[in-house]
Amino acid sequence: MTITPAQRWDAKIAGYRATCKKMLELSPSIRYAGVINGLGRTLAGVVRPGVKPLLSPEQVKDEFFIMSTLITLRKGPSAAVGALDYVVLRHKKATIVACQRGDATYYISINAKQKNIMKIISGIRRLA
């Protein structure tokens, strides 16, 4: 039986969603785990149940576009300095971790009060 491109795409999206769910299991401090493409479009995403989003839907679109642009622009210098492993953005209310893997970028939001962030980042890198 031949697998259609649509079936392959659906399987890829299901895989991203499963990975996002596993990322939420790494720590109760993880608020959101998602995957965006090079244009900043959400491919998959999971918000921890009971967590109120910090950003409006319009702000989320802007944030994902900015992150995808940052990741895309980093591809040029990576030939000189090596491939990008992950990016950490520390804010007052949340810490954002982004990991690029292939054409997808994993975007994870973590409570800012979390102390041992490197342990969570190690888990994210392992799963991404």
Protein backbone atom coordinates (compact mmCIF):
# COMPACT_ATOMS: atom_id res chain seq x y z
CA MET A 1 0.00 0.00 0.00
CA THR A 2 1.34 3.41 -0.96
CA ILE A 3 1.45 6.18 1.62
CA THR A 4 0.19 9.47 0.26
CA PRO A 5 1.92 12.82 0.92
CA ALA A 6 -1.08 13.84 3.03
CA GLN A 7 -0.70 10.73 5.19
CA ARG A 8 3.03 11.43 5.60
CA TRP A 9 2.25 15.01 6.63
CA ASP A 10 -0.40 13.87 9.13
CA ALA A 11 2.07 11.39 10.64
CA LYS A 12 4.74 14.11 10.92
CA ILE A 13 2.31 16.47 12.69
CA ALA A 14 1.20 13.66 15.03
CA GLY A 15 4.87 13.01 15.84
CA TYR A 16 5.44 16.69 16.65
CA ARG A 17 2.39 16.71 18.91
CA ALA A 18 3.55 13.57 20.73
CA THR A 19 6.97 15.14 21.27
CA CYS A 20 5.36 18.30 22.65
CA LYS A 21 3.37 16.21 25.13
CA LYS A 22 6.58 14.44 26.23
CA MET A 23 8.23 17.83 26.73
CA LEU A 24 5.41 18.90 29.07
CA GLU A 25 6.17 15.80 31.14
CA LEU A 26 9.76 16.97 31.72
CA SER A 27 8.72 19.53 34.33
CA PRO A 28 5.56 21.05 35.79
CA SER A 29 7.23 24.43 35.12
CA ILE A 30 6.83 24.01 31.35
CA ARG A 31 3.82 26.08 30.34
CA TYR A 32 3.74 25.41 26.59
CA ALA A 33 5.57 23.24 24.07
CA GLY A 34 5.07 23.77 20.37
CA VAL A 35 6.59 23.39 16.93
CA ILE A 36 6.68 26.18 14.34
CA ASN A 37 7.83 26.20 10.74
CA GLY A 38 10.16 28.64 8.97
CA LEU A 39 7.31 31.11 8.45
CA GLY A 40 6.28 31.10 12.11
CA ARG A 41 3.18 28.97 11.59
CA THR A 42 2.23 26.57 14.36
CA LEU A 43 2.55 22.93 13.30
CA ALA A 44 1.72 21.50 16.72
CA GLY A 45 1.41 22.86 20.22
CA VAL A 46 0.26 21.84 23.68
CA VAL A 47 -0.58 24.19 26.55
CA ARG A 48 -0.34 22.72 30.04
CA PRO A 49 -3.88 22.23 31.36
CA GLY A 50 -4.89 24.98 33.78
CA VAL A 51 -2.25 27.44 32.51
CA LYS A 52 -3.47 30.85 31.39
CA PRO A 53 -1.59 32.06 28.28
CA LEU A 54 0.51 35.19 28.78
CA LEU A 55 0.12 36.33 25.16
CA SER A 56 -2.95 37.11 23.06
CA PRO A 57 -3.43 35.13 19.83
CA GLU A 58 -2.11 38.10 17.81
CA GLN A 59 0.95 38.40 20.06
CA VAL A 60 1.59 34.67 19.63
CA LYS A 61 1.59 35.07 15.83
CA ASP A 62 4.06 37.94 16.13
CA GLU A 63 6.27 36.04 18.58
CA PHE A 64 6.43 32.95 16.37
CA PHE A 65 7.19 35.07 13.30
CA ILE A 66 10.01 36.83 15.16
CA MET A 67 11.43 33.52 16.41
CA SER A 68 11.29 31.90 12.97
CA THR A 69 12.99 34.97 11.45
CA LEU A 70 15.74 34.83 14.09
CA ILE A 71 16.33 31.14 13.46
CA THR A 72 16.31 31.61 9.67
CA LEU A 73 18.77 34.52 9.81
CA ARG A 74 21.13 32.47 12.02
CA LYS A 75 21.56 29.85 9.28
CA GLY A 76 24.06 32.02 7.38
CA PRO A 77 26.58 32.56 10.21
CA SER A 78 26.24 28.93 11.31
CA ALA A 79 28.73 27.91 8.60
CA ALA A 80 31.38 29.88 10.47
CA VAL A 81 30.37 29.28 14.10
CA GLY A 82 28.62 25.92 13.87
CA ALA A 83 24.98 24.88 13.86
CA LEU A 84 22.60 26.54 16.30
CA ASP A 85 21.81 24.23 19.21
CA TYR A 86 19.27 26.25 21.19
CA VAL A 87 18.28 29.81 22.11
CA VAL A 88 17.20 30.98 25.56
CA LEU A 89 15.22 34.18 26.08
CA ARG A 90 14.76 35.13 29.73
CA HIS A 91 11.82 37.36 30.53
CA LYS A 92 10.38 38.49 33.86
CA LYS A 93 7.42 36.07 33.68
CA ALA A 94 8.70 33.29 31.41
CA THR A 95 11.82 31.77 29.91
CA ILE A 96 11.62 30.77 26.26
CA VAL A 97 13.74 27.96 24.83
CA ALA A 98 13.90 27.41 21.08
CA CYS A 99 15.62 24.45 19.39
CA GLN A 100 15.81 24.12 15.64
CA ARG A 101 15.71 20.62 14.21
CA GLY A 102 15.56 20.39 10.43
CA ASP A 103 12.79 22.62 9.11
CA ALA A 104 11.02 22.80 12.47
CA THR A 105 11.67 24.92 15.54
CA TYR A 106 10.58 23.69 18.97
CA TYR A 107 9.33 26.60 21.07
CA ILE A 108 9.00 25.97 24.81
CA SER A 109 7.77 28.41 27.47
CA ILE A 110 8.87 27.80 31.06
CA ASN A 111 7.89 29.58 34.29
CA ALA A 112 10.51 32.24 35.06
CA LYS A 113 10.72 31.09 38.70
CA GLN A 114 12.18 27.73 37.63
CA LYS A 115 15.72 27.53 39.03
CA ASN A 116 17.34 24.50 37.37
CA ILE A 117 16.69 25.52 33.78
CA MET A 118 19.64 23.58 32.34
CA LYS A 119 18.13 20.25 33.40
CA ILE A 120 14.95 21.11 31.48
CA ILE A 121 16.93 22.32 28.47
CA SER A 122 18.87 19.04 28.43
CA GLY A 123 15.59 17.12 28.34
CA ILE A 124 14.21 19.35 25.58
CA ARG A 125 17.34 18.87 23.48
CA ARG A 126 17.11 15.11 23.93
CA LEU A 127 13.48 15.03 22.75
CA ALA A 128 13.69 17.59 19.91
